[in-house]
Every structure is written in C-alpha cells, then in structure tokens.
Amino acid sequence: MIIWRGWGILVLLMTGLPAGLGAFAAQALLGEDMAQLGAGIGIVVGGVASFLVGQRLNAPVQGYHPQTGQPVLYKNRHTLFFIPMQYCGVLLLVLGAVVGFTSLPNLL
C-alpha cells in the first residue's frame, strides 16, 4: 500500500520513468550489463527532480486570516510515506549512487 499526501505520489513517477528509460537506453546502447548503470543514473535524475519540485511545492505561503486579517503562514504538505518530497529526493540521490556504483564492476 502506498501512502501519500498532496502531490507526493509524483516522486514515484519522477523516479520510475527516468530509471526505466535509463536502463532501457543503457541496455540498448551499451549492452545488457550496463542496464543497472542506466537505472542508477535515472534514479539520480529522479531524485534531483523530486528535490526541486518538493522544495517548490512545500514552500510556506504567506496569507491572511479571513476573519481577523492577521498574517498567517500556510504550510503545504506533499509527502510519500510521511516523508516530504524534497527529503525523498535526497534519499533517491543516495540510492541512485549506490545502484550506479554497484554496477561499476560490470565495466571492467
């Protein structure tokens, strides 16, 4: 079961699509052993996109209370598994680096 709030589900789309395309392109261009490297690069790209989109979407917005007119800071919540999108991006960067580095013995 996937748990998300707001646009947090976009993390899966922004990561899955580049990882799949990267694996497919690396396999087609460089051989079957390089699919893992392409997937790792795709996960890194998805992590960067998730971080940037999360920073933008989760930024607090200045507003005013409708009854009192006092300034209020509205906070947005876009999460995946209770983790804000921008932090998911950082985790994906680490995961992509690990996947990419574990494929390096295939280069030799």
PDB file of N, CA and C in Angstrom:
ATOM      1  N   MET A   1       0.836  -1.168   0.000  1.00  0.00           N
ATOM      2  CA  MET A   1       0.000   0.000   0.000  1.00  0.00           C
ATOM      3  C   MET A   1       0.893   1.247   0.000  1.00  0.00           C
ATOM      4  N   ILE A   2       0.575   2.168  -0.863  1.00  0.00           N
ATOM      5  CA  ILE A   2       1.341   3.405  -0.991  1.00  0.00           C
ATOM      6  C   ILE A   2       0.585   4.512  -0.262  1.00  0.00           C
ATOM      7  N   ILE A   3       1.286   5.221   0.600  1.00  0.00           N
ATOM      8  CA  ILE A   3       0.679   6.299   1.377  1.00  0.00           C
ATOM      9  C   ILE A   3       1.298   7.609   0.920  1.00  0.00           C
ATOM     10  N   TRP A   4       0.461   8.557   0.481  1.00  0.00           N
ATOM     11  CA  TRP A   4       0.972   9.858   0.083  1.00  0.00           C
ATOM     12  C   TRP A   4      -0.026  10.942   0.469  1.00  0.00           C
ATOM     13  N   ARG A   5       0.458  12.152   0.493  1.00  0.00           N
ATOM     14  CA  ARG A   5      -0.378  13.316   0.766  1.00  0.00           C
ATOM     15  C   ARG A   5      -0.030  14.378  -0.266  1.00  0.00           C
ATOM     16  N   GLY A   6      -1.043  15.045  -0.781  1.00  0.00           N
ATOM     17  CA  GLY A   6      -0.829  16.078  -1.794  1.00  0.00           C
ATOM     18  C   GLY A   6      -0.286  15.468  -3.075  1.00  0.00           C
ATOM     19  N   TRP A   7       0.758  16.073  -3.591  1.00  0.00           N
ATOM     20  CA  TRP A   7       1.377  15.607  -4.825  1.00  0.00           C
ATOM     21  C   TRP A   7       2.564  14.692  -4.568  1.00  0.00           C
ATOM     22  N   GLY A   8       2.648  14.088  -3.406  1.00  0.00           N
ATOM     23  CA  GLY A   8       3.769  13.214  -3.065  1.00  0.00           C
ATOM     24  C   GLY A   8       3.907  12.005  -3.968  1.00  0.00           C
ATOM     25  N   ILE A   9       2.822  11.574  -4.585  1.00  0.00           N
ATOM     26  CA  ILE A   9       2.867  10.418  -5.483  1.00  0.00           C
ATOM     27  C   ILE A   9       3.746  10.688  -6.709  1.00  0.00           C
ATOM     28  N   LEU A  10       3.982  11.959  -6.999  1.00  0.00           N
ATOM     29  CA  LEU A  10       4.833  12.308  -8.142  1.00  0.00           C
ATOM     30  C   LEU A  10       6.266  11.804  -7.982  1.00  0.00           C
ATOM     31  N   VAL A  11       6.686  11.558  -6.753  1.00  0.00           N
ATOM     32  CA  VAL A  11       8.040  11.044  -6.530  1.00  0.00           C
ATOM     33  C   VAL A  11       8.223   9.720  -7.267  1.00  0.00           C
ATOM     34  N   LEU A  12       7.213   8.858  -7.206  1.00  0.00           N
ATOM     35  CA  LEU A  12       7.308   7.573  -7.892  1.00  0.00           C
ATOM     36  C   LEU A  12       7.378   7.750  -9.401  1.00  0.00           C
ATOM     37  N   LEU A  13       6.587   8.659  -9.915  1.00  0.00           N
ATOM     38  CA  LEU A  13       6.585   8.903 -11.359  1.00  0.00           C
ATOM     39  C   LEU A  13       7.888   9.555 -11.806  1.00  0.00           C
ATOM     40  N   MET A  14       8.358  10.535 -11.038  1.00  0.00           N
ATOM     41  CA  MET A  14       9.584  11.241 -11.409  1.00  0.00           C
ATOM     42  C   MET A  14      10.823  10.370 -11.263  1.00  0.00           C
ATOM     43  N   THR A  15      10.719   9.265 -10.536  1.00  0.00           N
ATOM     44  CA  THR A  15      11.852   8.360 -10.382  1.00  0.00           C
ATOM     45  C   THR A  15      11.730   7.146 -11.293  1.00  0.00           C
ATOM     46  N   GLY A  16      10.545   6.580 -11.361  1.00  0.00           N
ATOM     47  CA  GLY A  16      10.349   5.368 -12.157  1.00  0.00           C
ATOM     48  C   GLY A  16      10.559   5.569 -13.636  1.00  0.00           C
ATOM     49  N   LEU A  17      10.066   6.671 -14.149  1.00  0.00           N
ATOM     50  CA  LEU A  17      10.196   6.937 -15.582  1.00  0.00           C
ATOM     51  C   LEU A  17      11.657   7.123 -16.010  1.00  0.00           C
ATOM     52  N   PRO A  18      12.440   7.993 -15.354  1.00  0.00           N
ATOM     53  CA  PRO A  18      13.848   8.117 -15.768  1.00  0.00           C
ATOM     54  C   PRO A  18      14.661   6.848 -15.518  1.00  0.00           C
ATOM     55  N   ALA A  19      14.356   6.117 -14.445  1.00  0.00           N
ATOM     56  CA  ALA A  19      15.100   4.888 -14.167  1.00  0.00           C
ATOM     57  C   ALA A  19      14.818   3.844 -15.244  1.00  0.00           C
ATOM     58  N   GLY A  20      13.572   3.697 -15.624  1.00  0.00           N
ATOM     59  CA  GLY A  20      13.229   2.741 -16.679  1.00  0.00           C
ATOM     60  C   GLY A  20      13.817   3.123 -18.019  1.00  0.00           C
ATOM     61  N   LEU A  21      13.701   4.402 -18.365  1.00  0.00           N
ATOM     62  CA  LEU A  21      14.266   4.863 -19.630  1.00  0.00           C
ATOM     63  C   LEU A  21      15.787   4.761 -19.641  1.00  0.00           C
ATOM     64  N   GLY A  22      16.416   5.082 -18.505  1.00  0.00           N
ATOM     65  CA  GLY A  22      17.874   4.979 -18.422  1.00  0.00           C
ATOM     66  C   GLY A  22      18.351   3.551 -18.556  1.00  0.00           C
ATOM     67  N   ALA A  23      17.647   2.620 -17.907  1.00  0.00           N
ATOM     68  CA  ALA A  23      18.022   1.210 -18.010  1.00  0.00           C
ATOM     69  C   ALA A  23      17.831   0.702 -19.433  1.00  0.00           C
ATOM     70  N   PHE A  24      16.716   1.081 -20.044  1.00  0.00           N
ATOM     71  CA  PHE A  24      16.448   0.643 -21.416  1.00  0.00           C
ATOM     72  C   PHE A  24      17.478   1.210 -22.385  1.00  0.00           C
ATOM     73  N   ALA A  25      17.796   2.508 -22.260  1.00  0.00           N
ATOM     74  CA  ALA A  25      18.754   3.136 -23.166  1.00  0.00           C
ATOM     75  C   ALA A  25      20.157   2.563 -22.979  1.00  0.00           C
ATOM     76  N   ALA A  26      20.566   2.359 -21.722  1.00  0.00           N
ATOM     77  CA  ALA A  26      21.901   1.812 -21.480  1.00  0.00           C
ATOM     78  C   ALA A  26      22.010   0.386 -21.996  1.00  0.00           C
ATOM     79  N   GLN A  27      20.954  -0.379 -21.833  1.00  0.00           N
ATOM     80  CA  GLN A  27      20.975  -1.751 -22.324  1.00  0.00           C
ATOM     81  C   GLN A  27      21.025  -1.788 -23.849  1.00  0.00           C
ATOM     82  N   ALA A  28      20.278  -0.899 -24.490  1.00  0.00           N
ATOM     83  CA  ALA A  28      20.237  -0.888 -25.953  1.00  0.00           C
ATOM     84  C   ALA A  28      21.548  -0.372 -26.551  1.00  0.00           C
ATOM     85  N   LEU A  29      22.138   0.629 -25.914  1.00  0.00           N
ATOM     86  CA  LEU A  29      23.330   1.253 -26.481  1.00  0.00           C
ATOM     87  C   LEU A  29      24.631   0.593 -26.041  1.00  0.00           C
ATOM     88  N   LEU A  30      24.707   0.153 -24.791  1.00  0.00           N
ATOM     89  CA  LEU A  30      25.980  -0.313 -24.244  1.00  0.00           C
ATOM     90  C   LEU A  30      26.021  -1.806 -23.929  1.00  0.00           C
ATOM     91  N   GLY A  31      24.885  -2.468 -23.997  1.00  0.00           N
ATOM     92  CA  GLY A  31      24.855  -3.897 -23.687  1.00  0.00           C
ATOM     93  C   GLY A  31      24.057  -4.182 -22.432  1.00  0.00           C
ATOM     94  N   GLU A  32      23.755  -5.446 -22.255  1.00  0.00           N
ATOM     95  CA  GLU A  32      22.877  -5.848 -21.160  1.00  0.00           C
ATOM     96  C   GLU A  32      23.484  -5.613 -19.782  1.00  0.00           C
ATOM     97  N   ASP A  33      24.801  -5.654 -19.685  1.00  0.00           N
ATOM     98  CA  ASP A  33      25.456  -5.451 -18.390  1.00  0.00           C
ATOM     99  C   ASP A  33      25.337  -4.021 -17.886  1.00  0.00           C
ATOM    100  N   MET A  34      25.061  -3.086 -18.748  1.00  0.00           N
ATOM    101  CA  MET A  34      25.024  -1.680 -18.374  1.00  0.00           C
ATOM    102  C   MET A  34      23.633  -1.170 -17.980  1.00  0.00           C
ATOM    103  N   ALA A  35      22.636  -2.035 -17.985  1.00  0.00           N
ATOM    104  CA  ALA A  35      21.275  -1.605 -17.637  1.00  0.00           C
ATOM    105  C   ALA A  35      21.215  -1.077 -16.212  1.00  0.00           C
ATOM    106  N   GLN A  36      21.959  -1.677 -15.301  1.00  0.00           N
ATOM    107  CA  GLN A  36      21.948  -1.236 -13.908  1.00  0.00           C
ATOM    108  C   GLN A  36      22.559   0.156 -13.774  1.00  0.00           C
ATOM    109  N   LEU A  37      23.587   0.447 -14.528  1.00  0.00           N
ATOM    110  CA  LEU A  37      24.189   1.781 -14.502  1.00  0.00           C
ATOM    111  C   LEU A  37      23.200   2.821 -15.019  1.00  0.00           C
ATOM    112  N   GLY A  38      22.497   2.509 -16.096  1.00  0.00           N
ATOM    113  CA  GLY A  38      21.488   3.428 -16.618  1.00  0.00           C
ATOM    114  C   GLY A  38      20.360   3.659 -15.634  1.00  0.00           C
ATOM    115  N   ALA A  39      19.948   2.606 -14.931  1.00  0.00           N
ATOM    116  CA  ALA A  39      18.905   2.752 -13.914  1.00  0.00           C
ATOM    117  C   ALA A  39      19.392   3.632 -12.767  1.00  0.00           C
ATOM    118  N   GLY A  40      20.638   3.476 -12.374  1.00  0.00           N
ATOM    119  CA  GLY A  40      21.200   4.306 -11.307  1.00  0.00           C
ATOM    120  C   GLY A  40      21.238   5.772 -11.690  1.00  0.00           C
ATOM    121  N   ILE A  41      21.617   6.043 -12.920  1.00  0.00           N
ATOM    122  CA  ILE A  41      21.627   7.432 -13.394  1.00  0.00           C
ATOM    123  C   ILE A  41      20.208   7.982 -13.447  1.00  0.00           C
ATOM    124  N   GLY A  42      19.257   7.166 -13.875  1.00  0.00           N
ATOM    125  CA  GLY A  42      17.860   7.587 -13.903  1.00  0.00           C
ATOM    126  C   GLY A  42      17.313   7.868 -12.519  1.00  0.00           C
ATOM    127  N   ILE A  43      17.706   7.069 -11.521  1.00  0.00           N
ATOM    128  CA  ILE A  43      17.263   7.312 -10.147  1.00  0.00           C
ATOM    129  C   ILE A  43      17.836   8.617  -9.626  1.00  0.00           C
ATOM    130  N   VAL A  44      19.081   8.906  -9.958  1.00  0.00           N
ATOM    131  CA  VAL A  44      19.683  10.186  -9.558  1.00  0.00           C
ATOM    132  C   VAL A  44      18.930  11.353 -10.192  1.00  0.00           C
ATOM    133  N   VAL A  45      18.609  11.238 -11.473  1.00  0.00           N
ATOM    134  CA  VAL A  45      17.848  12.295 -12.156  1.00  0.00           C
ATOM    135  C   VAL A  45      16.481  12.471 -11.491  1.00  0.00           C
ATOM    136  N   GLY A  46      15.824  11.363 -11.164  1.00  0.00           N
ATOM    137  CA  GLY A  46      14.540  11.435 -10.473  1.00  0.00           C
ATOM    138  C   GLY A  46      14.662  12.042  -9.088  1.00  0.00           C
ATOM    139  N   GLY A  47      15.752  11.755  -8.400  1.00  0.00           N
ATOM    140  CA  GLY A  47      15.987  12.340  -7.085  1.00  0.00           C
ATOM    141  C   GLY A  47      16.172  13.852  -7.152  1.00  0.00           C
ATOM    142  N   VAL A  48      16.910  14.303  -8.147  1.00  0.00           N
ATOM    143  CA  VAL A  48      17.099  15.752  -8.323  1.00  0.00           C
ATOM    144  C   VAL A  48      15.757  16.424  -8.638  1.00  0.00           C
ATOM    145  N   ALA A  49      14.982  15.813  -9.534  1.00  0.00           N
ATOM    146  CA  ALA A  49      13.672  16.372  -9.881  1.00  0.00           C
ATOM    147  C   ALA A  49      12.748  16.384  -8.671  1.00  0.00           C
ATOM    148  N   SER A  50      12.758  15.323  -7.893  1.00  0.00           N
ATOM    149  CA  SER A  50      11.913  15.242  -6.702  1.00  0.00           C
ATOM    150  C   SER A  50      12.318  16.295  -5.678  1.00  0.00           C
ATOM    151  N   PHE A  51      13.611  16.501  -5.510  1.00  0.00           N
ATOM    152  CA  PHE A  51      14.077  17.515  -4.570  1.00  0.00           C
ATOM    153  C   PHE A  51      13.630  18.911  -4.995  1.00  0.00           C
ATOM    154  N   LEU A  52      13.832  19.232  -6.263  1.00  0.00           N
ATOM    155  CA  LEU A  52      13.485  20.577  -6.738  1.00  0.00           C
ATOM    156  C   LEU A  52      11.974  20.824  -6.695  1.00  0.00           C
ATOM    157  N   VAL A  53      11.193  19.852  -7.135  1.00  0.00           N
ATOM    158  CA  VAL A  53       9.735  20.003  -7.110  1.00  0.00           C
ATOM    159  C   VAL A  53       9.238  20.051  -5.665  1.00  0.00           C
ATOM    160  N   GLY A  54       9.816  19.222  -4.797  1.00  0.00           N
ATOM    161  CA  GLY A  54       9.433  19.233  -3.388  1.00  0.00           C
ATOM    162  C   GLY A  54       9.741  20.551  -2.706  1.00  0.00           C
ATOM    163  N   GLN A  55      10.896  21.128  -3.022  1.00  0.00           N
ATOM    164  CA  GLN A  55      11.234  22.445  -2.462  1.00  0.00           C
ATOM    165  C   GLN A  55      10.203  23.489  -2.866  1.00  0.00           C
ATOM    166  N   ARG A  56       9.795  23.435  -4.104  1.00  0.00           N
ATOM    167  CA  ARG A  56       8.831  24.412  -4.624  1.00  0.00           C
ATOM    168  C   ARG A  56       7.437  24.199  -4.031  1.00  0.00           C
ATOM    169  N   LEU A  57       6.984  22.944  -4.005  1.00  0.00           N
ATOM    170  CA  LEU A  57       5.628  22.674  -3.538  1.00  0.00           C
ATOM    171  C   LEU A  57       5.469  22.809  -2.027  1.00  0.00           C
ATOM    172  N   ASN A  58       6.502  22.479  -1.262  1.00  0.00           N
ATOM    173  CA  ASN A  58       6.402  22.518   0.194  1.00  0.00           C
ATOM    174  C   ASN A  58       6.841  23.841   0.799  1.00  0.00           C
ATOM    175  N   ALA A  59       7.098  24.835  -0.025  1.00  0.00           N
ATOM    176  CA  ALA A  59       7.474  26.149   0.493  1.00  0.00           C
ATOM    177  C   ALA A  59       6.268  26.787   1.182  1.00  0.00           C
ATOM    178  N   PRO A  60       6.465  27.376   2.366  1.00  0.00           N
ATOM    179  CA  PRO A  60       5.340  28.038   3.035  1.00  0.00           C
ATOM    180  C   PRO A  60       4.860  29.256   2.243  1.00  0.00           C
ATOM    181  N   VAL A  61       3.560  29.522   2.346  1.00  0.00           N
ATOM    182  CA  VAL A  61       2.945  30.618   1.610  1.00  0.00           C
ATOM    183  C   VAL A  61       2.360  31.620   2.608  1.00  0.00           C
ATOM    184  N   GLN A  62       2.669  32.895   2.411  1.00  0.00           N
ATOM    185  CA  GLN A  62       2.134  33.950   3.267  1.00  0.00           C
ATOM    186  C   GLN A  62       0.696  34.254   2.870  1.00  0.00           C
ATOM    187  N   GLY A  63      -0.184  34.281   3.851  1.00  0.00           N
ATOM    188  CA  GLY A  63      -1.590  34.611   3.609  1.00  0.00           C
ATOM    189  C   GLY A  63      -2.140  35.393   4.773  1.00  0.00           C
ATOM    190  N   TYR A  64      -3.445  35.609   4.760  1.00  0.00           N
ATOM    191  CA  TYR A  64      -4.104  36.367   5.813  1.00  0.00           C
ATOM    192  C   TYR A  64      -5.325  35.616   6.306  1.00  0.00           C
ATOM    193  N   HIS A  65      -5.551  35.653   7.618  1.00  0.00           N
ATOM    194  CA  HIS A  65      -6.710  35.005   8.201  1.00  0.00           C
ATOM    195  C   HIS A  65      -7.967  35.719   7.706  1.00  0.00           C
ATOM    196  N   PRO A  66      -8.974  34.966   7.223  1.00  0.00           N
ATOM    197  CA  PRO A  66     -10.141  35.606   6.608  1.00  0.00           C
ATOM    198  C   PRO A  66     -10.973  36.445   7.579  1.00  0.00           C
ATOM    199  N   GLN A  67     -10.997  36.109   8.860  1.00  0.00           N
ATOM    200  CA  GLN A  67     -11.841  36.848   9.787  1.00  0.00           C
ATOM    201  C   GLN A  67     -11.107  37.980  10.485  1.00  0.00           C
ATOM    202  N   THR A  68      -9.857  37.746  10.864  1.00  0.00           N
ATOM    203  CA  THR A  68      -9.135  38.762  11.619  1.00  0.00           C
ATOM    204  C   THR A  68      -8.236  39.632  10.750  1.00  0.00           C
ATOM    205  N   GLY A  69      -7.841  39.143   9.592  1.00  0.00           N
ATOM    206  CA  GLY A  69      -6.950  39.907   8.726  1.00  0.00           C
ATOM    207  C   GLY A  69      -5.491  39.824   9.145  1.00  0.00           C
ATOM    208  N   GLN A  70      -5.184  39.022  10.150  1.00  0.00           N
ATOM    209  CA  GLN A  70      -3.811  38.872  10.625  1.00  0.00           C
ATOM    210  C   GLN A  70      -3.008  38.006   9.645  1.00  0.00           C
ATOM    211  N   PRO A  71      -1.726  38.296   9.499  1.00  0.00           N
ATOM    212  CA  PRO A  71      -0.904  37.462   8.607  1.00  0.00           C
ATOM    213  C   PRO A  71      -0.761  36.036   9.158  1.00  0.00           C
ATOM    214  N   VAL A  72      -0.842  35.079   8.249  1.00  0.00           N
ATOM    215  CA  VAL A  72      -0.734  33.664   8.594  1.00  0.00           C
ATOM    216  C   VAL A  72       0.224  33.009   7.600  1.00  0.00           C
ATOM    217  N   LEU A  73       1.022  32.076   8.101  1.00  0.00           N
ATOM    218  CA  LEU A  73       1.935  31.331   7.242  1.00  0.00           C
ATOM    219  C   LEU A  73       1.333  29.956   6.997  1.00  0.00           C
ATOM    220  N   TYR A  74       0.894  29.681   5.759  1.00  0.00           N
ATOM    221  CA  TYR A  74       0.305  28.400   5.400  1.00  0.00           C
ATOM    222  C   TYR A  74       1.409  27.459   4.946  1.00  0.00           C
ATOM    223  N   LYS A  75       1.423  26.263   5.544  1.00  0.00           N
ATOM    224  CA  LYS A  75       2.432  25.265   5.204  1.00  0.00           C
ATOM    225  C   LYS A  75       1.795  24.170   4.369  1.00  0.00           C
ATOM    226  N   ASN A  76       2.452  23.818   3.277  1.00  0.00           N
ATOM    227  CA  ASN A  76       1.971  22.752   2.400  1.00  0.00           C
ATOM    228  C   ASN A  76       2.578  21.429   2.837  1.00  0.00           C
ATOM    229  N   ARG A  77       1.863  20.341   2.586  1.00  0.00           N
ATOM    230  CA  ARG A  77       2.338  19.015   2.948  1.00  0.00           C
ATOM    231  C   ARG A  77       2.206  18.093   1.743  1.00  0.00           C
ATOM    232  N   HIS A  78       3.294  17.843   1.073  1.00  0.00           N
ATOM    233  CA  HIS A  78       3.338  16.890  -0.041  1.00  0.00           C
ATOM    234  C   HIS A  78       4.342  15.820   0.346  1.00  0.00           C
ATOM    235  N   THR A  79       3.838  14.631   0.716  1.00  0.00           N
ATOM    236  CA  THR A  79       4.692  13.587   1.262  1.00  0.00           C
ATOM    237  C   THR A  79       4.451  12.249   0.566  1.00  0.00           C
ATOM    238  N   LEU A  80       5.434  11.382   0.671  1.00  0.00           N
ATOM    239  CA  LEU A  80       5.326   9.987   0.246  1.00  0.00           C
ATOM    240  C   LEU A  80       5.804   9.154   1.424  1.00  0.00           C
ATOM    241  N   PHE A  81       4.939   8.290   1.942  1.00  0.00           N
ATOM    242  CA  PHE A  81       5.224   7.518   3.149  1.00  0.00           C
ATOM    243  C   PHE A  81       5.654   8.439   4.298  1.00  0.00           C
ATOM    244  N   PHE A  82       4.966   9.544   4.451  1.00  0.00           N
ATOM    245  CA  PHE A  82       5.165  10.527   5.522  1.00  0.00           C
ATOM    246  C   PHE A  82       6.509  11.245   5.439  1.00  0.00           C
ATOM    247  N   ILE A  83       7.207  11.122   4.318  1.00  0.00           N
ATOM    248  CA  ILE A  83       8.479  11.818   4.108  1.00  0.00           C
ATOM    249  C   ILE A  83       8.238  12.927   3.090  1.00  0.00           C
ATOM    250  N   PRO A  84       8.573  14.192   3.421  1.00  0.00           N
ATOM    251  CA  PRO A  84       8.386  15.273   2.451  1.00  0.00           C
ATOM    252  C   PRO A  84       9.136  15.001   1.149  1.00  0.00           C
ATOM    253  N   MET A  85       8.583  15.508   0.059  1.00  0.00           N
ATOM    254  CA  MET A  85       9.126  15.228  -1.275  1.00  0.00           C
ATOM    255  C   MET A  85      10.599  15.585  -1.398  1.00  0.00           C
ATOM    256  N   GLN A  86      11.015  16.707  -0.844  1.00  0.00           N
ATOM    257  CA  GLN A  86      12.407  17.111  -1.020  1.00  0.00           C
ATOM    258  C   GLN A  86      13.354  16.152  -0.298  1.00  0.00           C
ATOM    259  N   TYR A  87      12.916  15.564   0.818  1.00  0.00           N
ATOM    260  CA  TYR A  87      13.759  14.597   1.508  1.00  0.00           C
ATOM    261  C   TYR A  87      13.768  13.253   0.789  1.00  0.00           C
ATOM    262  N   CYS A  88      12.672  12.917   0.132  1.00  0.00           N
ATOM    263  CA  CYS A  88      12.661  11.724  -0.723  1.00  0.00           C
ATOM    264  C   CYS A  88      13.706  11.877  -1.826  1.00  0.00           C
ATOM    265  N   GLY A  89      13.841  13.094  -2.349  1.00  0.00           N
ATOM    266  CA  GLY A  89      14.838  13.350  -3.383  1.00  0.00           C
ATOM    267  C   GLY A  89      16.252  13.089  -2.897  1.00  0.00           C
ATOM    268  N   VAL A  90      16.556  13.475  -1.666  1.00  0.00           N
ATOM    269  CA  VAL A  90      17.888  13.233  -1.107  1.00  0.00           C
ATOM    270  C   VAL A  90      18.120  11.733  -0.950  1.00  0.00           C
ATOM    271  N   LEU A  91      17.108  11.013  -0.450  1.00  0.00           N
ATOM    272  CA  LEU A  91      17.236   9.561  -0.317  1.00  0.00           C
ATOM    273  C   LEU A  91      17.434   8.889  -1.673  1.00  0.00           C
ATOM    274  N   LEU A  92      16.751   9.387  -2.691  1.00  0.00           N
ATOM    275  CA  LEU A  92      16.889   8.822  -4.028  1.00  0.00           C
ATOM    276  C   LEU A  92      18.269   9.097  -4.616  1.00  0.00           C
ATOM    277  N   LEU A  93      18.858  10.240  -4.291  1.00  0.00           N
ATOM    278  CA  LEU A  93      20.228  10.520  -4.740  1.00  0.00           C
ATOM    279  C   LEU A  93      21.192   9.484  -4.180  1.00  0.00           C
ATOM    280  N   VAL A  94      21.043   9.176  -2.913  1.00  0.00           N
ATOM    281  CA  VAL A  94      21.909   8.170  -2.286  1.00  0.00           C
ATOM    282  C   VAL A  94      21.654   6.798  -2.906  1.00  0.00           C
ATOM    283  N   LEU A  95      20.383   6.437  -3.077  1.00  0.00           N
ATOM    284  CA  LEU A  95      20.046   5.147  -3.676  1.00  0.00           C
ATOM    285  C   LEU A  95      20.588   5.033  -5.093  1.00  0.00           C
ATOM    286  N   GLY A  96      20.452   6.089  -5.891  1.00  0.00           N
ATOM    287  CA  GLY A  96      20.969   6.078  -7.257  1.00  0.00           C
ATOM    288  C   GLY A  96      22.479   5.938  -7.299  1.00  0.00           C
ATOM    289  N   ALA A  97      23.162   6.595  -6.364  1.00  0.00           N
ATOM    290  CA  ALA A  97      24.620   6.472  -6.311  1.00  0.00           C
ATOM    291  C   ALA A  97      25.030   5.046  -5.959  1.00  0.00           C
ATOM    292  N   VAL A  98      24.324   4.433  -5.018  1.00  0.00           N
ATOM    293  CA  VAL A  98      24.631   3.051  -4.635  1.00  0.00           C
ATOM    294  C   VAL A  98      24.394   2.105  -5.805  1.00  0.00           C
ATOM    295  N   VAL A  99      23.263   2.262  -6.486  1.00  0.00           N
ATOM    296  CA  VAL A  99      22.955   1.400  -7.634  1.00  0.00           C
ATOM    297  C   VAL A  99      23.992   1.607  -8.737  1.00  0.00           C
ATOM    298  N   GLY A 100      24.362   2.847  -8.980  1.00  0.00           N
ATOM    299  CA  GLY A 100      25.363   3.124 -10.010  1.00  0.00           C
ATOM    300  C   GLY A 100      26.729   2.553  -9.671  1.00  0.00           C
ATOM    301  N   PHE A 101      27.160   2.694  -8.410  1.00  0.00           N
ATOM    302  CA  PHE A 101      28.480   2.204  -8.019  1.00  0.00           C
ATOM    303  C   PHE A 101      28.537   0.682  -7.967  1.00  0.00           C
ATOM    304  N   THR A 102      27.418   0.031  -7.677  1.00  0.00           N
ATOM    305  CA  THR A 102      27.455  -1.434  -7.655  1.00  0.00           C
ATOM    306  C   THR A 102      27.530  -2.007  -9.076  1.00  0.00           C
ATOM    307  N   SER A 103      27.244  -1.198 -10.076  1.00  0.00           N
ATOM    308  CA  SER A 103      27.338  -1.678 -11.455  1.00  0.00           C
ATOM    309  C   SER A 103      28.733  -1.440 -12.052  1.00  0.00           C
ATOM    310  N   LEU A 104      29.598  -0.748 -11.341  1.00  0.00           N
ATOM    311  CA  LEU A 104      30.931  -0.456 -11.861  1.00  0.00           C
ATOM    312  C   LEU A 104      31.777  -1.706 -12.146  1.00  0.00           C
ATOM    313  N   PRO A 105      31.671  -2.778 -11.373  1.00  0.00           N
ATOM    314  CA  PRO A 105      32.452  -3.979 -11.754  1.00  0.00           C
ATOM    315  C   PRO A 105      32.070  -4.523 -13.129  1.00  0.00           C
ATOM    316  N   ASN A 106      30.882  -4.213 -13.612  1.00  0.00           N
ATOM    317  CA  ASN A 106      30.494  -4.651 -14.958  1.00  0.00           C
ATOM    318  C   ASN A 106      31.260  -3.919 -16.043  1.00  0.00           C
ATOM    319  N   LEU A 107      31.823  -2.769 -15.712  1.00  0.00           N
ATOM    320  CA  LEU A 107      32.599  -2.013 -16.708  1.00  0.00           C
ATOM    321  C   LEU A 107      33.946  -2.644 -16.992  1.00  0.00           C
ATOM    322  N   LEU A 108      34.463  -3.368 -16.017  1.00  0.00           N
ATOM    323  CA  LEU A 108      35.814  -3.928 -16.157  1.00  0.00           C
ATOM    324  C   LEU A 108      35.839  -5.182 -16.963  1.00  0.00           C
TER     325      LEU A 108
END
